[in-house]
């Protein structure tokens, strides 16, 4: 009986550990920008991210006359990142330009300097190009058996289009595990590669001039 009891305890412990490993960590608490800092092309790094961007109705609202970004304070390796976004077409929000262009960056190394735009991989969010890879500051990836050329900003086009109409919410899921990167948009695989030259780093939400909202930023650690 004791043997059975101890076996059950071990099974429950392992089950609990597995659930914890799969738990989604909310990087955005839907209340404020705790856990993030901001960077703007005019003001530079802002420890208080609310000096550049705001939270309203459980959403991160990014807008204004200057480009910039939000950077997570935490760094991650082997993860599944989920982000939900939509274009904000309300004319009351200030914008830099009319080009619907933004992105979610990941694997931004902790030691990389704050610039527009830092080292890492970008899930391109852009009208007519959402789902493209953008490799910044010499990052490379092997796609369909061919390694991308290192450069300041190198694009690898998406496999297919999956973005919803402007104004609707879209769901991005990025999986990074041991150098294998998969980008999904609204449930469809839009890009994939292996042998990433970066395997650990932070998450970055871009604002490039057209207002955009984010309502979910969640990361799940992969075993």
N, C-alpha and C. Protein backbone atom coordinates (compact mmCIF):
# COMPACT_ATOMS: atom_id res chain seq x y z
N UNK A 1 0.83 -1.22 0.00
CA UNK A 1 0.00 0.00 0.00
C UNK A 1 0.86 1.26 0.00
N UNK A 2 1.92 1.23 0.84
CA UNK A 2 2.82 2.39 0.88
C UNK A 2 3.47 2.64 -0.47
N UNK A 3 3.81 1.55 -1.17
CA UNK A 3 4.42 1.68 -2.50
C UNK A 3 3.47 2.38 -3.47
N UNK A 4 2.19 1.97 -3.42
CA UNK A 4 1.18 2.60 -4.30
C UNK A 4 1.01 4.07 -3.95
N UNK A 5 0.99 4.37 -2.66
CA UNK A 5 0.82 5.75 -2.19
C UNK A 5 1.97 6.63 -2.68
N UNK A 6 3.19 6.13 -2.52
CA UNK A 6 4.35 6.90 -2.95
C UNK A 6 4.36 7.10 -4.45
N UNK A 7 3.91 6.09 -5.19
CA UNK A 7 3.85 6.20 -6.66
C UNK A 7 2.86 7.28 -7.08
N UNK A 8 1.73 7.32 -6.39
CA UNK A 8 0.71 8.34 -6.69
C UNK A 8 1.25 9.74 -6.42
N UNK A 9 1.99 9.89 -5.32
CA UNK A 9 2.58 11.19 -4.97
C UNK A 9 3.54 11.64 -6.07
N UNK A 10 4.36 10.72 -6.55
CA UNK A 10 5.33 11.06 -7.61
C UNK A 10 4.61 11.46 -8.89
N UNK A 11 3.56 10.71 -9.25
CA UNK A 11 2.80 11.02 -10.46
C UNK A 11 2.16 12.41 -10.36
N UNK A 12 1.57 12.70 -9.20
CA UNK A 12 0.94 14.01 -9.00
C UNK A 12 1.98 15.13 -9.07
N UNK A 13 3.16 14.89 -8.51
CA UNK A 13 4.23 15.89 -8.54
C UNK A 13 4.67 16.17 -9.97
N UNK A 14 4.88 15.09 -10.74
CA UNK A 14 5.31 15.25 -12.13
C UNK A 14 4.25 15.95 -12.95
N UNK A 15 2.98 15.64 -12.70
CA UNK A 15 1.87 16.29 -13.39
C UNK A 15 1.83 17.78 -13.09
N UNK A 16 2.05 18.10 -11.81
CA UNK A 16 2.08 19.50 -11.39
C UNK A 16 3.23 20.24 -12.04
N UNK A 17 4.40 19.60 -12.10
CA UNK A 17 5.56 20.24 -12.72
C UNK A 17 5.33 20.49 -14.19
N UNK A 18 4.68 19.53 -14.87
CA UNK A 18 4.39 19.68 -16.29
C UNK A 18 3.43 20.82 -16.53
N UNK A 19 2.40 20.94 -15.68
CA UNK A 19 1.44 22.03 -15.81
C UNK A 19 2.11 23.38 -15.61
N UNK A 20 3.04 23.46 -14.64
CA UNK A 20 3.74 24.71 -14.40
C UNK A 20 4.60 25.09 -15.59
N UNK A 21 5.22 24.09 -16.22
CA UNK A 21 6.07 24.35 -17.38
C UNK A 21 5.25 24.90 -18.54
N UNK A 22 3.96 24.49 -18.60
CA UNK A 22 3.10 24.90 -19.70
C UNK A 22 2.30 26.17 -19.39
N UNK A 23 2.46 26.70 -18.18
CA UNK A 23 1.67 27.86 -17.78
C UNK A 23 2.04 29.09 -18.61
N UNK A 24 1.04 29.79 -19.06
CA UNK A 24 1.25 31.00 -19.86
C UNK A 24 1.52 32.18 -18.94
N UNK A 25 2.60 32.87 -19.19
CA UNK A 25 2.98 34.04 -18.39
C UNK A 25 2.50 35.29 -19.10
N UNK A 26 1.64 36.05 -18.45
CA UNK A 26 1.12 37.28 -19.04
C UNK A 26 2.17 38.38 -18.93
N UNK A 27 2.73 38.79 -20.06
CA UNK A 27 3.70 39.89 -20.05
C UNK A 27 2.99 41.24 -19.96
N UNK A 28 1.73 41.27 -20.35
CA UNK A 28 0.90 42.47 -20.22
C UNK A 28 -0.27 42.14 -19.30
N UNK A 29 -0.37 42.87 -18.17
CA UNK A 29 -1.38 42.57 -17.17
C UNK A 29 -2.72 43.24 -17.43
N UNK A 30 -2.86 43.95 -18.54
CA UNK A 30 -4.09 44.64 -18.97
C UNK A 30 -4.48 45.80 -18.05
N UNK A 31 -3.54 46.20 -17.17
CA UNK A 31 -3.79 47.33 -16.27
C UNK A 31 -2.80 48.46 -16.49
N UNK A 32 -1.50 48.07 -16.63
CA UNK A 32 -0.46 49.08 -16.80
C UNK A 32 0.71 48.45 -17.56
N UNK A 33 1.80 49.17 -17.66
CA UNK A 33 2.95 48.70 -18.44
C UNK A 33 4.08 48.20 -17.54
N UNK A 34 3.72 47.65 -16.40
CA UNK A 34 4.70 47.06 -15.50
C UNK A 34 5.41 45.91 -16.22
N UNK A 35 6.73 45.87 -16.11
CA UNK A 35 7.50 44.82 -16.76
C UNK A 35 8.03 45.22 -18.13
N UNK A 36 7.76 46.47 -18.52
CA UNK A 36 8.21 46.98 -19.81
C UNK A 36 8.92 48.33 -19.63
N UNK A 37 9.81 48.66 -20.56
CA UNK A 37 10.28 50.03 -20.67
C UNK A 37 10.05 50.48 -22.11
N UNK A 38 10.10 51.76 -22.34
CA UNK A 38 9.83 52.31 -23.66
C UNK A 38 11.08 52.97 -24.23
N UNK A 39 11.12 53.03 -25.55
CA UNK A 39 12.19 53.73 -26.25
C UNK A 39 11.58 54.49 -27.42
N UNK A 40 11.96 55.76 -27.55
CA UNK A 40 11.44 56.58 -28.63
C UNK A 40 12.56 57.25 -29.40
N UNK A 41 12.33 57.54 -30.67
CA UNK A 41 13.38 58.13 -31.49
C UNK A 41 13.75 59.53 -31.05
N UNK A 42 12.89 60.18 -30.30
CA UNK A 42 13.18 61.54 -29.83
C UNK A 42 13.60 61.55 -28.36
N UNK A 43 12.91 60.78 -27.51
CA UNK A 43 13.14 60.82 -26.06
C UNK A 43 14.12 59.76 -25.56
N UNK A 44 14.45 58.78 -26.41
CA UNK A 44 15.34 57.71 -25.97
C UNK A 44 14.65 56.76 -25.01
N UNK A 45 15.41 56.13 -24.13
CA UNK A 45 14.87 55.14 -23.21
C UNK A 45 14.09 55.80 -22.09
N UNK A 46 12.89 55.27 -21.84
CA UNK A 46 12.03 55.76 -20.77
C UNK A 46 11.71 54.60 -19.83
N UNK A 47 12.26 54.65 -18.62
CA UNK A 47 12.01 53.59 -17.65
C UNK A 47 10.52 53.48 -17.34
N UNK A 48 9.86 54.63 -17.28
CA UNK A 48 8.40 54.65 -17.12
C UNK A 48 7.78 54.62 -18.51
N UNK A 49 7.38 53.43 -18.94
CA UNK A 49 6.88 53.24 -20.30
C UNK A 49 5.65 54.08 -20.60
N UNK A 50 4.89 54.45 -19.55
CA UNK A 50 3.69 55.25 -19.73
C UNK A 50 4.00 56.67 -20.20
N UNK A 51 5.28 57.06 -20.18
CA UNK A 51 5.65 58.37 -20.70
C UNK A 51 5.54 58.43 -22.22
N UNK A 52 5.52 57.25 -22.87
CA UNK A 52 5.41 57.21 -24.32
C UNK A 52 4.12 56.55 -24.81
N UNK A 53 3.69 55.49 -24.13
CA UNK A 53 2.52 54.75 -24.58
C UNK A 53 1.55 54.54 -23.43
N UNK A 54 0.31 54.15 -23.75
CA UNK A 54 -0.71 54.10 -22.71
C UNK A 54 -1.47 52.78 -22.69
N UNK A 55 -2.19 52.58 -21.60
CA UNK A 55 -3.09 51.44 -21.46
C UNK A 55 -4.50 51.99 -21.26
N UNK A 56 -5.42 51.48 -22.07
CA UNK A 56 -6.81 51.94 -22.01
C UNK A 56 -7.72 50.78 -22.39
N UNK A 57 -8.77 50.56 -21.60
CA UNK A 57 -9.74 49.49 -21.88
C UNK A 57 -9.03 48.13 -22.07
N UNK A 58 -8.08 47.85 -21.19
CA UNK A 58 -7.35 46.57 -21.19
C UNK A 58 -6.49 46.37 -22.43
N UNK A 59 -6.12 47.46 -23.10
CA UNK A 59 -5.29 47.38 -24.31
C UNK A 59 -4.06 48.28 -24.17
N UNK A 60 -2.96 47.84 -24.79
CA UNK A 60 -1.82 48.74 -24.98
C UNK A 60 -2.12 49.55 -26.23
N UNK A 61 -2.06 50.87 -26.11
CA UNK A 61 -2.37 51.75 -27.24
C UNK A 61 -1.09 52.49 -27.63
N UNK A 62 -0.63 52.23 -28.85
CA UNK A 62 0.61 52.83 -29.32
C UNK A 62 0.28 53.78 -30.46
N UNK A 63 0.63 55.05 -30.26
CA UNK A 63 0.33 56.08 -31.25
C UNK A 63 1.21 57.29 -30.97
N UNK A 64 1.16 58.28 -31.86
CA UNK A 64 1.93 59.50 -31.63
C UNK A 64 2.75 59.91 -32.85
N UNK A 65 3.40 61.06 -32.79
CA UNK A 65 4.14 61.60 -33.93
C UNK A 65 5.53 61.01 -34.13
N UNK A 66 6.01 60.20 -33.18
CA UNK A 66 7.35 59.64 -33.27
C UNK A 66 7.32 58.11 -33.13
N UNK A 67 8.23 57.45 -33.84
CA UNK A 67 8.34 55.99 -33.74
C UNK A 67 8.97 55.58 -32.41
N UNK A 68 8.73 54.34 -32.01
CA UNK A 68 9.31 53.85 -30.77
C UNK A 68 8.89 52.42 -30.50
N UNK A 69 9.18 51.94 -29.30
CA UNK A 69 8.79 50.57 -28.96
C UNK A 69 8.69 50.36 -27.47
N UNK A 70 8.05 49.25 -27.12
CA UNK A 70 8.02 48.73 -25.76
C UNK A 70 8.90 47.50 -25.71
N UNK A 71 9.75 47.40 -24.70
CA UNK A 71 10.66 46.27 -24.56
C UNK A 71 10.38 45.56 -23.23
N UNK A 72 10.24 44.25 -23.27
CA UNK A 72 10.05 43.50 -22.03
C UNK A 72 11.35 43.51 -21.21
N UNK A 73 11.20 43.57 -19.91
CA UNK A 73 12.38 43.52 -19.04
C UNK A 73 12.92 42.09 -18.95
N UNK A 74 12.07 41.11 -19.16
CA UNK A 74 12.47 39.71 -19.07
C UNK A 74 13.00 39.20 -20.41
N UNK A 75 13.88 38.22 -20.32
CA UNK A 75 14.45 37.56 -21.49
C UNK A 75 14.02 36.10 -21.47
N UNK A 76 13.85 35.51 -22.65
CA UNK A 76 13.30 34.15 -22.73
C UNK A 76 14.06 33.28 -23.73
N UNK A 77 14.07 31.98 -23.44
CA UNK A 77 14.65 30.98 -24.33
C UNK A 77 13.68 29.80 -24.41
N UNK A 78 13.47 29.28 -25.59
CA UNK A 78 12.55 28.16 -25.82
C UNK A 78 11.15 28.51 -25.29
N UNK A 79 10.33 29.08 -26.14
CA UNK A 79 9.04 29.61 -25.73
C UNK A 79 8.03 29.59 -26.86
N UNK A 80 6.78 29.80 -26.45
CA UNK A 80 5.69 30.07 -27.40
C UNK A 80 5.10 31.42 -27.00
N UNK A 81 5.18 32.37 -27.89
CA UNK A 81 4.71 33.74 -27.64
C UNK A 81 3.40 33.97 -28.38
N UNK A 82 2.40 34.46 -27.65
CA UNK A 82 1.10 34.78 -28.25
C UNK A 82 0.84 36.28 -28.09
N UNK A 83 0.49 36.93 -29.19
CA UNK A 83 0.20 38.37 -29.18
C UNK A 83 -1.05 38.62 -30.02
N UNK A 84 -1.95 39.43 -29.50
CA UNK A 84 -3.13 39.82 -30.27
C UNK A 84 -3.06 41.32 -30.55
N UNK A 85 -3.35 41.71 -31.80
CA UNK A 85 -3.24 43.11 -32.21
C UNK A 85 -4.35 43.48 -33.19
N UNK A 86 -4.55 44.77 -33.34
CA UNK A 86 -5.42 45.29 -34.39
C UNK A 86 -4.96 46.71 -34.74
N UNK A 87 -5.22 47.12 -35.96
CA UNK A 87 -4.94 48.50 -36.36
C UNK A 87 -6.00 49.41 -35.75
N UNK A 88 -5.58 50.56 -35.23
CA UNK A 88 -6.48 51.53 -34.64
C UNK A 88 -6.73 52.64 -35.66
N UNK A 89 -7.92 52.65 -36.23
CA UNK A 89 -8.24 53.61 -37.30
C UNK A 89 -9.01 54.83 -36.78
N UNK A 90 -9.15 54.95 -35.46
CA UNK A 90 -9.83 56.11 -34.88
C UNK A 90 -9.01 57.36 -35.15
N UNK A 91 -9.59 58.34 -35.80
CA UNK A 91 -8.86 59.54 -36.24
C UNK A 91 -8.44 60.45 -35.09
N UNK A 92 -8.95 60.21 -33.86
CA UNK A 92 -8.57 61.07 -32.74
C UNK A 92 -7.14 60.77 -32.26
N UNK A 93 -6.58 59.63 -32.68
CA UNK A 93 -5.25 59.25 -32.23
C UNK A 93 -4.19 59.80 -33.18
N UNK A 94 -3.21 60.50 -32.61
CA UNK A 94 -2.14 61.09 -33.41
C UNK A 94 -1.30 59.99 -34.06
N UNK A 95 -0.81 60.28 -35.28
CA UNK A 95 0.03 59.32 -35.98
C UNK A 95 1.15 60.03 -36.71
N UNK A 96 2.17 59.27 -37.03
CA UNK A 96 3.33 59.81 -37.74
C UNK A 96 3.11 59.78 -39.24
N UNK A 97 2.43 58.73 -39.72
CA UNK A 97 2.19 58.59 -41.15
C UNK A 97 0.99 57.69 -41.39
N UNK A 98 0.65 57.45 -42.65
CA UNK A 98 -0.50 56.63 -43.01
C UNK A 98 -0.13 55.19 -43.37
N UNK A 99 1.13 54.84 -43.25
CA UNK A 99 1.59 53.50 -43.59
C UNK A 99 1.32 52.54 -42.44
N UNK A 100 0.49 51.56 -42.68
CA UNK A 100 0.16 50.57 -41.63
C UNK A 100 1.33 49.60 -41.51
N UNK A 101 2.25 49.94 -40.64
CA UNK A 101 3.50 49.21 -40.50
C UNK A 101 3.87 49.12 -39.03
N UNK A 102 4.12 47.90 -38.56
CA UNK A 102 4.48 47.69 -37.16
C UNK A 102 5.17 46.32 -37.08
N UNK A 103 5.21 45.75 -35.90
CA UNK A 103 5.81 44.43 -35.77
C UNK A 103 5.94 44.01 -34.33
N UNK A 104 6.13 42.71 -34.16
CA UNK A 104 6.47 42.13 -32.86
C UNK A 104 7.85 41.52 -33.01
N UNK A 105 8.80 42.00 -32.23
CA UNK A 105 10.14 41.43 -32.26
C UNK A 105 10.32 40.48 -31.07
N UNK A 106 11.21 39.53 -31.26
CA UNK A 106 11.53 38.57 -30.19
C UNK A 106 12.98 38.14 -30.35
N UNK A 107 13.50 37.48 -29.33
CA UNK A 107 14.92 37.09 -29.29
C UNK A 107 15.82 38.32 -29.46
N UNK A 108 15.45 39.41 -28.79
CA UNK A 108 16.28 40.61 -28.76
C UNK A 108 17.27 40.45 -27.62
N UNK A 109 18.56 40.22 -27.89
CA UNK A 109 19.53 39.94 -26.83
C UNK A 109 19.59 41.05 -25.77
N UNK A 110 19.80 40.65 -24.53
CA UNK A 110 19.83 41.61 -23.42
C UNK A 110 20.93 42.65 -23.58
N UNK A 111 22.03 42.26 -24.22
CA UNK A 111 23.17 43.17 -24.34
C UNK A 111 23.08 44.10 -25.53
N UNK A 112 22.06 43.93 -26.39
CA UNK A 112 21.98 44.77 -27.58
C UNK A 112 21.55 46.18 -27.22
N UNK A 113 22.14 47.22 -27.83
CA UNK A 113 21.78 48.60 -27.49
C UNK A 113 20.39 48.98 -27.99
N UNK A 114 19.79 49.95 -27.34
CA UNK A 114 18.48 50.46 -27.75
C UNK A 114 18.64 51.40 -28.93
N UNK A 115 18.13 50.95 -30.08
CA UNK A 115 18.13 51.75 -31.30
C UNK A 115 16.85 51.41 -32.06
N UNK A 116 16.56 52.17 -33.08
CA UNK A 116 15.47 51.84 -34.00
C UNK A 116 16.09 51.25 -35.26
N UNK A 117 16.19 49.93 -35.43
CA UNK A 117 15.62 48.88 -34.60
C UNK A 117 16.73 47.95 -34.14
N UNK A 118 16.61 47.34 -32.95
CA UNK A 118 17.72 46.54 -32.41
C UNK A 118 17.82 45.15 -33.02
N UNK A 119 18.84 44.44 -32.62
CA UNK A 119 19.07 43.08 -33.08
C UNK A 119 17.94 42.15 -32.64
N UNK A 120 17.54 41.25 -33.53
CA UNK A 120 16.51 40.28 -33.20
C UNK A 120 15.74 39.86 -34.44
N UNK A 121 14.63 39.15 -34.22
CA UNK A 121 13.76 38.72 -35.31
C UNK A 121 12.42 39.43 -35.17
N UNK A 122 11.91 39.90 -36.28
CA UNK A 122 10.62 40.61 -36.28
C UNK A 122 9.57 39.81 -37.02
N UNK A 123 8.41 39.65 -36.38
CA UNK A 123 7.20 39.21 -37.06
C UNK A 123 6.61 40.47 -37.66
N UNK A 124 6.76 40.62 -38.95
CA UNK A 124 6.30 41.84 -39.61
C UNK A 124 4.78 41.96 -39.55
N UNK A 125 4.32 43.13 -39.09
CA UNK A 125 2.90 43.48 -39.15
C UNK A 125 2.81 44.68 -40.10
N UNK A 126 2.37 44.44 -41.29
CA UNK A 126 2.37 45.48 -42.31
C UNK A 126 1.32 45.15 -43.35
N UNK A 127 0.56 46.15 -43.73
CA UNK A 127 -0.48 45.93 -44.72
C UNK A 127 0.12 45.32 -45.99
N UNK A 128 -0.33 44.11 -46.33
CA UNK A 128 0.17 43.43 -47.51
C UNK A 128 1.42 42.60 -47.28
N UNK A 129 1.93 42.58 -46.04
CA UNK A 129 3.18 41.83 -45.77
C UNK A 129 3.19 41.19 -44.39
N UNK A 130 2.05 41.13 -43.72
CA UNK A 130 2.02 40.58 -42.36
C UNK A 130 2.36 39.10 -42.37
N UNK A 131 3.35 38.74 -41.57
CA UNK A 131 3.83 37.37 -41.50
C UNK A 131 5.23 37.20 -42.02
N UNK A 132 5.75 38.22 -42.70
CA UNK A 132 7.14 38.17 -43.16
C UNK A 132 8.08 38.08 -41.96
N UNK A 133 9.21 37.41 -42.14
CA UNK A 133 10.33 37.52 -41.22
C UNK A 133 11.10 38.78 -41.58
N UNK A 134 11.57 39.51 -40.56
CA UNK A 134 12.56 40.56 -40.78
C UNK A 134 13.70 40.29 -39.80
N UNK A 135 14.89 40.05 -40.35
CA UNK A 135 16.07 39.75 -39.54
C UNK A 135 16.91 41.01 -39.43
N UNK A 136 17.10 41.46 -38.19
CA UNK A 136 17.75 42.74 -37.95
C UNK A 136 19.13 42.58 -37.34
N UNK A 137 20.05 43.43 -37.80
CA UNK A 137 21.40 43.52 -37.24
C UNK A 137 22.13 42.17 -37.28
N UNK A 138 22.22 41.59 -38.47
CA UNK A 138 23.05 40.41 -38.76
C UNK A 138 22.46 39.07 -38.32
N UNK A 139 21.22 39.04 -37.85
CA UNK A 139 20.60 37.77 -37.47
C UNK A 139 20.33 36.94 -38.74
N UNK A 140 20.51 35.63 -38.64
CA UNK A 140 20.26 34.74 -39.77
C UNK A 140 19.39 33.56 -39.37
N UNK A 141 18.79 32.93 -40.40
CA UNK A 141 17.94 31.76 -40.21
C UNK A 141 17.99 30.94 -41.49
N UNK A 142 17.89 29.64 -41.35
CA UNK A 142 17.86 28.75 -42.51
C UNK A 142 16.40 28.49 -42.87
N UNK A 143 15.99 28.92 -44.07
CA UNK A 143 14.60 28.75 -44.53
C UNK A 143 14.60 27.92 -45.79
N UNK A 144 13.88 26.80 -45.74
CA UNK A 144 13.79 25.90 -46.91
C UNK A 144 15.17 25.51 -47.44
N UNK A 145 16.09 25.24 -46.51
CA UNK A 145 17.41 24.76 -46.90
C UNK A 145 18.40 25.83 -47.30
N UNK A 146 18.04 27.09 -47.15
CA UNK A 146 18.94 28.18 -47.54
C UNK A 146 19.09 29.17 -46.40
N UNK A 147 20.32 29.46 -46.03
CA UNK A 147 20.59 30.42 -44.96
C UNK A 147 20.43 31.84 -45.48
N UNK A 148 19.73 32.68 -44.70
CA UNK A 148 19.55 34.07 -45.10
C UNK A 148 20.88 34.83 -45.00
N UNK A 149 21.01 35.86 -45.82
CA UNK A 149 22.21 36.69 -45.79
C UNK A 149 22.17 37.62 -44.58
N UNK A 150 23.27 37.72 -43.82
CA UNK A 150 23.30 38.67 -42.69
C UNK A 150 23.27 40.10 -43.21
N UNK A 151 22.55 40.97 -42.50
CA UNK A 151 22.45 42.37 -42.91
C UNK A 151 21.75 43.20 -41.86
N UNK A 152 21.61 44.47 -42.12
CA UNK A 152 20.96 45.38 -41.18
C UNK A 152 19.48 45.08 -41.05
N UNK A 153 18.82 44.80 -42.19
CA UNK A 153 17.39 44.48 -42.20
C UNK A 153 17.11 43.61 -43.42
N UNK A 154 16.90 42.31 -43.18
CA UNK A 154 16.72 41.34 -44.27
C UNK A 154 15.34 40.71 -44.15
N UNK A 155 14.58 40.74 -45.24
CA UNK A 155 13.21 40.23 -45.25
C UNK A 155 13.15 38.84 -45.89
N UNK A 156 12.39 37.94 -45.25
CA UNK A 156 12.04 36.65 -45.85
C UNK A 156 10.51 36.60 -45.90
N UNK A 157 9.96 36.56 -47.09
CA UNK A 157 8.52 36.70 -47.26
C UNK A 157 7.74 35.53 -46.68
N UNK A 158 6.54 35.83 -46.26
CA UNK A 158 5.62 34.85 -45.70
C UNK A 158 5.25 33.81 -46.75
N UNK A 159 4.81 32.64 -46.28
CA UNK A 159 4.37 31.57 -47.17
C UNK A 159 2.98 31.85 -47.74
N UNK A 160 2.15 32.53 -46.94
CA UNK A 160 0.77 32.82 -47.37
C UNK A 160 0.23 34.00 -46.59
N UNK A 161 -0.90 34.55 -47.04
CA UNK A 161 -1.56 35.66 -46.36
C UNK A 161 -2.62 35.13 -45.40
N UNK A 162 -2.67 35.71 -44.19
CA UNK A 162 -3.65 35.24 -43.22
C UNK A 162 -4.19 36.37 -42.35
N UNK A 163 -3.86 37.62 -42.67
CA UNK A 163 -4.30 38.75 -41.85
C UNK A 163 -5.78 39.04 -42.07
N UNK A 164 -6.47 39.40 -40.98
CA UNK A 164 -7.88 39.74 -41.04
C UNK A 164 -8.06 41.18 -41.54
N UNK A 165 -9.28 41.55 -41.93
CA UNK A 165 -9.53 42.92 -42.39
C UNK A 165 -9.16 43.95 -41.33
N UNK A 166 -8.76 45.13 -41.78
CA UNK A 166 -8.35 46.21 -40.88
C UNK A 166 -9.45 46.51 -39.86
N UNK A 167 -9.05 46.61 -38.61
CA UNK A 167 -9.98 46.88 -37.53
C UNK A 167 -10.33 45.64 -36.72
N UNK A 168 -10.12 44.45 -37.29
CA UNK A 168 -10.37 43.20 -36.58
C UNK A 168 -9.11 42.75 -35.82
N UNK A 169 -9.33 41.95 -34.78
CA UNK A 169 -8.22 41.45 -33.99
C UNK A 169 -7.55 40.27 -34.69
N UNK A 170 -6.24 40.25 -34.65
CA UNK A 170 -5.43 39.17 -35.20
C UNK A 170 -4.64 38.50 -34.09
N UNK A 171 -4.36 37.21 -34.27
CA UNK A 171 -3.61 36.46 -33.26
C UNK A 171 -2.30 35.93 -33.86
N UNK A 172 -1.21 36.35 -33.26
CA UNK A 172 0.14 35.90 -33.63
C UNK A 172 0.60 34.85 -32.62
N UNK A 173 1.17 33.76 -33.11
CA UNK A 173 1.81 32.77 -32.24
C UNK A 173 3.19 32.47 -32.81
N UNK A 174 4.22 32.75 -32.02
CA UNK A 174 5.60 32.48 -32.42
C UNK A 174 6.16 31.41 -31.50
N UNK A 175 6.72 30.36 -32.09
CA UNK A 175 7.37 29.32 -31.30
C UNK A 175 8.86 29.32 -31.63
N UNK A 176 9.68 29.40 -30.60
CA UNK A 176 11.13 29.37 -30.74
C UNK A 176 11.67 28.27 -29.83
N UNK A 177 12.25 27.23 -30.43
CA UNK A 177 12.78 26.13 -29.64
C UNK A 177 14.06 25.60 -30.27
N UNK A 178 15.14 25.76 -29.54
CA UNK A 178 16.45 25.26 -29.98
C UNK A 178 16.80 25.68 -31.41
N UNK A 179 16.51 26.94 -31.72
CA UNK A 179 16.87 27.48 -33.02
C UNK A 179 15.84 27.28 -34.11
N UNK A 180 14.76 26.56 -33.82
CA UNK A 180 13.68 26.37 -34.79
C UNK A 180 12.60 27.41 -34.52
N UNK A 181 12.27 28.23 -35.53
CA UNK A 181 11.31 29.32 -35.38
C UNK A 181 10.10 29.08 -36.27
N UNK A 182 8.91 29.17 -35.68
CA UNK A 182 7.66 29.06 -36.45
C UNK A 182 6.80 30.27 -36.16
N UNK A 183 6.30 30.92 -37.21
CA UNK A 183 5.40 32.05 -37.06
C UNK A 183 4.02 31.66 -37.58
N UNK A 184 3.00 31.83 -36.73
CA UNK A 184 1.63 31.57 -37.12
C UNK A 184 0.80 32.83 -37.00
N UNK A 185 -0.16 32.98 -37.91
CA UNK A 185 -1.08 34.11 -37.88
C UNK A 185 -2.49 33.58 -38.06
N UNK A 186 -3.32 33.84 -37.05
CA UNK A 186 -4.72 33.39 -37.08
C UNK A 186 -4.82 31.90 -37.39
N UNK A 187 -3.93 31.12 -36.76
CA UNK A 187 -3.99 29.67 -36.86
C UNK A 187 -3.27 29.06 -38.05
N UNK A 188 -2.70 29.89 -38.92
CA UNK A 188 -2.02 29.39 -40.11
C UNK A 188 -0.52 29.65 -40.03
N UNK A 189 0.29 28.66 -40.42
CA UNK A 189 1.74 28.83 -40.44
C UNK A 189 2.11 29.73 -41.61
N UNK A 190 2.67 30.90 -41.31
CA UNK A 190 3.01 31.85 -42.36
C UNK A 190 4.51 31.92 -42.63
N UNK A 191 5.33 31.37 -41.73
CA UNK A 191 6.77 31.36 -41.95
C UNK A 191 7.43 30.39 -40.97
N UNK A 192 8.57 29.83 -41.40
CA UNK A 192 9.27 28.87 -40.55
C UNK A 192 10.72 28.76 -40.98
N UNK A 193 11.61 28.53 -40.01
CA UNK A 193 13.02 28.34 -40.32
C UNK A 193 13.73 27.61 -39.20
N UNK A 194 14.98 27.23 -39.45
CA UNK A 194 15.78 26.52 -38.46
C UNK A 194 17.15 27.19 -38.32
N UNK A 195 17.89 26.76 -37.33
CA UNK A 195 19.26 27.22 -37.10
C UNK A 195 19.34 28.74 -36.92
N UNK A 196 18.47 29.27 -36.10
CA UNK A 196 18.50 30.70 -35.80
C UNK A 196 19.82 31.08 -35.12
N UNK A 197 20.38 32.21 -35.53
CA UNK A 197 21.64 32.66 -34.92
C UNK A 197 21.41 33.31 -33.55
N UNK A 198 20.16 33.57 -33.20
CA UNK A 198 19.83 34.03 -31.84
C UNK A 198 18.82 33.05 -31.25
N UNK A 199 19.00 32.69 -29.99
CA UNK A 199 18.12 31.70 -29.37
C UNK A 199 17.56 32.15 -28.03
N UNK A 200 17.95 33.33 -27.60
CA UNK A 200 17.44 33.86 -26.33
C UNK A 200 17.34 35.37 -26.40
N UNK A 201 16.29 35.93 -25.80
CA UNK A 201 16.18 37.38 -25.80
C UNK A 201 14.82 37.88 -25.34
N UNK A 202 14.64 39.17 -25.47
CA UNK A 202 13.44 39.84 -24.98
C UNK A 202 12.38 40.00 -26.07
N UNK A 203 11.22 40.46 -25.66
CA UNK A 203 10.09 40.71 -26.56
C UNK A 203 9.92 42.21 -26.75
N UNK A 204 9.62 42.62 -27.97
CA UNK A 204 9.51 44.05 -28.28
C UNK A 204 8.27 44.29 -29.14
N UNK A 205 7.48 45.29 -28.77
CA UNK A 205 6.32 45.71 -29.54
C UNK A 205 6.65 47.02 -30.25
N UNK A 206 6.51 47.02 -31.58
CA UNK A 206 6.92 48.17 -32.37
C UNK A 206 5.78 49.14 -32.64
N UNK A 207 6.16 50.42 -32.66
CA UNK A 207 5.27 51.46 -33.18
C UNK A 207 6.05 52.22 -34.24
N UNK A 208 5.58 52.12 -35.49
CA UNK A 208 6.32 52.74 -36.59
C UNK A 208 5.60 53.93 -37.22
N UNK A 209 4.47 54.34 -36.62
CA UNK A 209 3.84 55.56 -37.12
C UNK A 209 2.35 55.51 -37.31
N UNK A 210 1.77 54.31 -37.42
CA UNK A 210 0.31 54.20 -37.54
C UNK A 210 -0.22 53.54 -36.28
N UNK A 211 -1.24 54.13 -35.64
CA UNK A 211 -1.75 53.62 -34.36
C UNK A 211 -2.11 52.13 -34.40
N UNK A 212 -1.69 51.44 -33.35
CA UNK A 212 -1.94 49.99 -33.24
C UNK A 212 -2.22 49.65 -31.78
N UNK A 213 -3.11 48.68 -31.58
CA UNK A 213 -3.48 48.23 -30.24
C UNK A 213 -3.03 46.79 -30.03
N UNK A 214 -2.59 46.48 -28.81
CA UNK A 214 -2.28 45.11 -28.41
C UNK A 214 -3.10 44.80 -27.16
N UNK A 215 -3.77 43.66 -27.15
CA UNK A 215 -4.59 43.35 -25.97
C UNK A 215 -4.12 42.10 -25.22
N UNK A 216 -3.24 41.33 -25.83
CA UNK A 216 -2.73 40.14 -25.17
C UNK A 216 -1.27 39.94 -25.55
N UNK A 217 -0.43 39.77 -24.56
CA UNK A 217 0.98 39.41 -24.78
C UNK A 217 1.29 38.35 -23.73
N UNK A 218 1.42 37.12 -24.18
CA UNK A 218 1.54 35.99 -23.26
C UNK A 218 2.63 35.06 -23.75
N UNK A 219 3.42 34.52 -22.85
CA UNK A 219 4.52 33.63 -23.25
C UNK A 219 4.47 32.34 -22.43
N UNK A 220 4.70 31.24 -23.13
CA UNK A 220 4.67 29.92 -22.49
C UNK A 220 6.03 29.26 -22.72
N UNK A 221 6.65 28.81 -21.67
CA UNK A 221 7.94 28.17 -21.78
C UNK A 221 7.81 26.77 -22.36
N UNK A 222 8.69 26.43 -23.30
CA UNK A 222 8.72 25.10 -23.91
C UNK A 222 9.76 24.25 -23.21
N UNK A 223 9.47 22.98 -23.04
CA UNK A 223 10.43 22.07 -22.41
C UNK A 223 11.51 21.68 -23.41
